[in-house]
Amino acid sequence: MGHNRMGSLGVASWPLHMIMLILFSTLVALMRREWSHCTPATRRFITLAITILVLSILVIGYGNSLSQTGD
């Protein structure tokens, strides 16, 4: 699995791995236009969910960098 090859990320590797799987599968679905017939409310929800996932990657990465520097 990919989380074994993430090196020094430690405990953060599993959530990052799962988030990347979700983001990639959603991007593929968007490129294949699987969401083309959904309602505008659903599109807003997908956009919100992707935004939250990207922000969570940033938070996990920042927290991991803090733990590596010892702050």
N, C-alpha and C. Protein backbone atom coordinates (compact mmCIF):
# COMPACT_ATOMS: atom_id res chain seq x y z
N MET A 1 0.83 -1.19 0.00
CA MET A 1 0.00 0.00 0.00
C MET A 1 0.88 1.25 0.00
N GLY A 2 0.33 2.34 -0.46
CA GLY A 2 1.08 3.58 -0.56
C GLY A 2 1.50 4.17 0.77
N HIS A 3 0.73 3.92 1.83
CA HIS A 3 1.08 4.55 3.11
C HIS A 3 2.36 3.98 3.69
N ASN A 4 2.79 2.81 3.25
CA ASN A 4 4.05 2.25 3.73
C ASN A 4 5.26 2.97 3.14
N ARG A 5 5.07 3.65 2.04
CA ARG A 5 6.17 4.31 1.35
C ARG A 5 6.21 5.82 1.60
N MET A 6 5.48 6.31 2.57
CA MET A 6 5.41 7.74 2.81
C MET A 6 6.49 8.22 3.77
N GLY A 7 7.39 7.35 4.15
CA GLY A 7 8.57 7.74 4.90
C GLY A 7 8.29 8.27 6.29
N SER A 8 8.79 9.47 6.56
CA SER A 8 8.78 10.02 7.91
C SER A 8 7.44 10.63 8.32
N LEU A 9 6.40 10.43 7.54
CA LEU A 9 5.11 11.01 7.89
C LEU A 9 4.46 10.30 9.08
N GLY A 10 4.91 9.11 9.39
CA GLY A 10 4.45 8.41 10.58
C GLY A 10 2.95 8.17 10.59
N VAL A 11 2.32 8.57 11.70
CA VAL A 11 0.88 8.34 11.90
C VAL A 11 0.05 9.09 10.87
N ALA A 12 0.55 10.19 10.36
CA ALA A 12 -0.20 11.00 9.40
C ALA A 12 -0.32 10.32 8.04
N SER A 13 0.44 9.27 7.78
CA SER A 13 0.43 8.68 6.45
C SER A 13 -0.91 8.03 6.10
N TRP A 14 -1.57 7.40 7.06
CA TRP A 14 -2.83 6.72 6.75
C TRP A 14 -3.94 7.71 6.38
N PRO A 15 -4.18 8.77 7.19
CA PRO A 15 -5.21 9.73 6.76
C PRO A 15 -4.87 10.41 5.44
N LEU A 16 -3.60 10.72 5.21
CA LEU A 16 -3.22 11.34 3.94
C LEU A 16 -3.46 10.38 2.78
N HIS A 17 -3.15 9.14 2.98
CA HIS A 17 -3.39 8.14 1.95
C HIS A 17 -4.88 8.04 1.61
N MET A 18 -5.72 7.98 2.61
CA MET A 18 -7.16 7.88 2.38
C MET A 18 -7.72 9.14 1.72
N ILE A 19 -7.24 10.31 2.16
CA ILE A 19 -7.70 11.56 1.55
C ILE A 19 -7.31 11.61 0.08
N MET A 20 -6.09 11.19 -0.24
CA MET A 20 -5.65 11.21 -1.63
C MET A 20 -6.48 10.24 -2.49
N LEU A 21 -6.85 9.10 -1.92
CA LEU A 21 -7.72 8.16 -2.66
C LEU A 21 -9.07 8.81 -2.97
N ILE A 22 -9.64 9.47 -1.99
CA ILE A 22 -10.94 10.12 -2.20
C ILE A 22 -10.83 11.25 -3.22
N LEU A 23 -9.79 12.07 -3.09
CA LEU A 23 -9.62 13.18 -4.04
C LEU A 23 -9.39 12.67 -5.46
N PHE A 24 -8.56 11.66 -5.59
CA PHE A 24 -8.28 11.14 -6.93
C PHE A 24 -9.53 10.54 -7.56
N SER A 25 -10.29 9.75 -6.80
CA SER A 25 -11.49 9.13 -7.36
C SER A 25 -12.54 10.18 -7.72
N THR A 26 -12.64 11.23 -6.92
CA THR A 26 -13.58 12.31 -7.23
C THR A 26 -13.14 13.07 -8.48
N LEU A 27 -11.83 13.31 -8.61
CA LEU A 27 -11.33 13.98 -9.81
C LEU A 27 -11.59 13.15 -11.06
N VAL A 28 -11.38 11.85 -10.98
CA VAL A 28 -11.66 10.98 -12.12
C VAL A 28 -13.15 11.02 -12.47
N ALA A 29 -13.99 11.00 -11.46
CA ALA A 29 -15.44 11.06 -11.70
C ALA A 29 -15.83 12.39 -12.34
N LEU A 30 -15.19 13.47 -11.92
CA LEU A 30 -15.48 14.77 -12.53
C LEU A 30 -15.00 14.83 -13.97
N MET A 31 -13.83 14.27 -14.23
CA MET A 31 -13.30 14.27 -15.60
C MET A 31 -14.15 13.40 -16.53
N ARG A 32 -14.72 12.34 -15.99
CA ARG A 32 -15.57 11.46 -16.80
C ARG A 32 -17.01 11.96 -16.86
N ARG A 33 -17.25 13.10 -16.24
CA ARG A 33 -18.57 13.75 -16.23
C ARG A 33 -19.65 12.89 -15.58
N GLU A 34 -19.26 12.14 -14.56
CA GLU A 34 -20.24 11.34 -13.83
C GLU A 34 -21.14 12.20 -12.95
N TRP A 35 -20.72 13.43 -12.69
CA TRP A 35 -21.50 14.35 -11.86
C TRP A 35 -22.23 15.39 -12.71
N SER A 36 -22.30 15.20 -14.02
CA SER A 36 -22.84 16.24 -14.90
C SER A 36 -24.35 16.46 -14.74
N HIS A 37 -25.08 15.46 -14.30
CA HIS A 37 -26.53 15.60 -14.19
C HIS A 37 -27.01 15.79 -12.75
N CYS A 38 -26.11 16.15 -11.87
CA CYS A 38 -26.52 16.35 -10.48
C CYS A 38 -27.02 17.78 -10.27
N THR A 39 -27.68 17.98 -9.16
CA THR A 39 -28.25 19.30 -8.87
C THR A 39 -27.15 20.27 -8.44
N PRO A 40 -27.42 21.56 -8.53
CA PRO A 40 -26.44 22.55 -8.07
C PRO A 40 -26.09 22.40 -6.58
N ALA A 41 -27.05 21.97 -5.79
CA ALA A 41 -26.77 21.76 -4.36
C ALA A 41 -25.75 20.63 -4.17
N THR A 42 -25.85 19.60 -4.98
CA THR A 42 -24.89 18.50 -4.91
C THR A 42 -23.51 18.96 -5.35
N ARG A 43 -23.45 19.78 -6.38
CA ARG A 43 -22.15 20.32 -6.83
C ARG A 43 -21.51 21.18 -5.76
N ARG A 44 -22.31 21.98 -5.08
CA ARG A 44 -21.78 22.79 -3.97
C ARG A 44 -21.27 21.89 -2.85
N PHE A 45 -21.98 20.82 -2.57
CA PHE A 45 -21.57 19.90 -1.53
C PHE A 45 -20.25 19.21 -1.89
N ILE A 46 -20.10 18.81 -3.15
CA ILE A 46 -18.85 18.19 -3.60
C ILE A 46 -17.71 19.18 -3.50
N THR A 47 -17.95 20.42 -3.91
CA THR A 47 -16.92 21.46 -3.81
C THR A 47 -16.52 21.69 -2.37
N LEU A 48 -17.50 21.76 -1.48
CA LEU A 48 -17.22 21.93 -0.06
C LEU A 48 -16.42 20.75 0.49
N ALA A 49 -16.80 19.55 0.11
CA ALA A 49 -16.10 18.35 0.60
C ALA A 49 -14.65 18.32 0.11
N ILE A 50 -14.42 18.65 -1.16
CA ILE A 50 -13.06 18.69 -1.68
C ILE A 50 -12.24 19.76 -0.98
N THR A 51 -12.85 20.91 -0.74
CA THR A 51 -12.16 21.99 -0.03
C THR A 51 -11.77 21.56 1.37
N ILE A 52 -12.67 20.91 2.06
CA ILE A 52 -12.37 20.42 3.42
C ILE A 52 -11.24 19.40 3.39
N LEU A 53 -11.25 18.51 2.41
CA LEU A 53 -10.18 17.52 2.31
C LEU A 53 -8.83 18.17 2.02
N VAL A 54 -8.80 19.15 1.14
CA VAL A 54 -7.54 19.84 0.85
C VAL A 54 -7.05 20.58 2.09
N LEU A 55 -7.95 21.25 2.79
CA LEU A 55 -7.55 21.94 4.03
C LEU A 55 -7.05 20.95 5.08
N SER A 56 -7.67 19.78 5.13
CA SER A 56 -7.21 18.79 6.11
C SER A 56 -5.81 18.29 5.77
N ILE A 57 -5.48 18.19 4.48
CA ILE A 57 -4.11 17.83 4.09
C ILE A 57 -3.14 18.88 4.59
N LEU A 58 -3.51 20.15 4.43
CA LEU A 58 -2.64 21.23 4.89
C LEU A 58 -2.45 21.20 6.41
N VAL A 59 -3.52 20.96 7.13
CA VAL A 59 -3.45 20.91 8.60
C VAL A 59 -2.61 19.73 9.06
N ILE A 60 -2.82 18.56 8.45
CA ILE A 60 -2.04 17.38 8.83
C ILE A 60 -0.57 17.60 8.50
N GLY A 61 -0.29 18.16 7.34
CA GLY A 61 1.09 18.44 6.96
C GLY A 61 1.75 19.43 7.89
N TYR A 62 1.02 20.48 8.26
CA TYR A 62 1.56 21.47 9.18
C TYR A 62 1.82 20.86 10.56
N GLY A 63 0.87 20.09 11.04
CA GLY A 63 1.05 19.43 12.34
C GLY A 63 2.21 18.46 12.33
N ASN A 64 2.38 17.75 11.21
CA ASN A 64 3.50 16.82 11.09
C ASN A 64 4.82 17.56 11.05
N SER A 65 4.85 18.72 10.37
CA SER A 65 6.10 19.48 10.34
C SER A 65 6.45 20.04 11.71
N LEU A 66 5.43 20.40 12.50
CA LEU A 66 5.69 20.86 13.85
C LEU A 66 6.27 19.75 14.72
N SER A 67 5.76 18.54 14.54
CA SER A 67 6.26 17.43 15.35
C SER A 67 7.68 17.03 14.98
N GLN A 68 8.08 17.27 13.74
CA GLN A 68 9.43 16.94 13.32
C GLN A 68 10.45 17.96 13.76
N THR A 69 10.01 19.23 13.90
CA THR A 69 10.96 20.26 14.33
C THR A 69 11.07 20.33 15.83
N GLY A 70 10.14 19.71 16.54
CA GLY A 70 10.20 19.68 18.00
C GLY A 70 9.53 20.86 18.66
N ASP A 71 8.79 21.67 17.90
CA ASP A 71 8.09 22.84 18.49
C ASP A 71 6.82 22.42 19.18
